[in-house]
Amino acid sequence: MSFSEYVISRWDTLSLAAAEHAMVVAVAIAIATVIGVGVGVLTHGVPRAREASIAVSAAILTIPSLALLTLLIPLTGLGWGSTLLGLTAYAFLPIIRNTVTGLRGLDAATVEAGRGMGLSRPRLLLRVQLPLAWPLILTGIRISTQMLIGIAAIAAFVDGPGLGNQIFEGLSRLGSVNSLNATLAGTLGIVIIAILFDVFFYVVRHLTTPRGLRVRP
């Protein structure tokens, strides 16, 4: 069976696996963004807390993905629970670091001008600081997303959702009929998902970044 015939014959299975792969990554990145940006906002002006948050998130990233997912099984079981928790934990470092860097790198004169206009600290954060830091924060979110798309494939080892099941199914019976097609279908599916997410973030950046802060290629 050719690769195209394989994809057509198993389109329902492949499309469902791709949708689950994209969904678990999207949910994980959404949770990590809310928590990560919040941690960055709260700690960027407090040196010890800032360093601790970055150090902890960096330490998590050093844990092999298979080991972390396996260690989560007693807590969250097989499937979505362990996958979602593991992916969320891996996403923190780029988001927290870029939030901190973006907020600390703002021009002091701009921030002082906002204070001079009588803005309270919450309004200054929402109207001045976060919008100016947003392009860098969004870059951190995008980096985390691309990273999670690849890591999510490993979740097949803990019965997680996504295209990793296709890849490891093919690898487990390499040499048999359609084993290469299964592996290739899963791999190409993940590449396509990564490209689609990248396009999505490009559109989000264009729509949400103030015109004066846009960098033209």
Foldseek 3Di string as FASTA:
>chain_A
DDLVVVCVVCVVVLVQLLVQLLVLLVVLLVVLLVVQLVQLVVPLVPVVSLVVQLVQLVVLLPDPLLVQLVVCCVPQNFESRSLSVSLNSNLRNLLNVLSSCQQVPDDPVQLVVVVVVVDDPVCSCVPPRCLRSVVSNLVSSLVSSLVSLVSSLSSVVRVYGHLVVLQVVLVVPPPDPCSVSSNVSSVVSSVVSNVVVVVVSVVVCVVRHPPVPDDDD
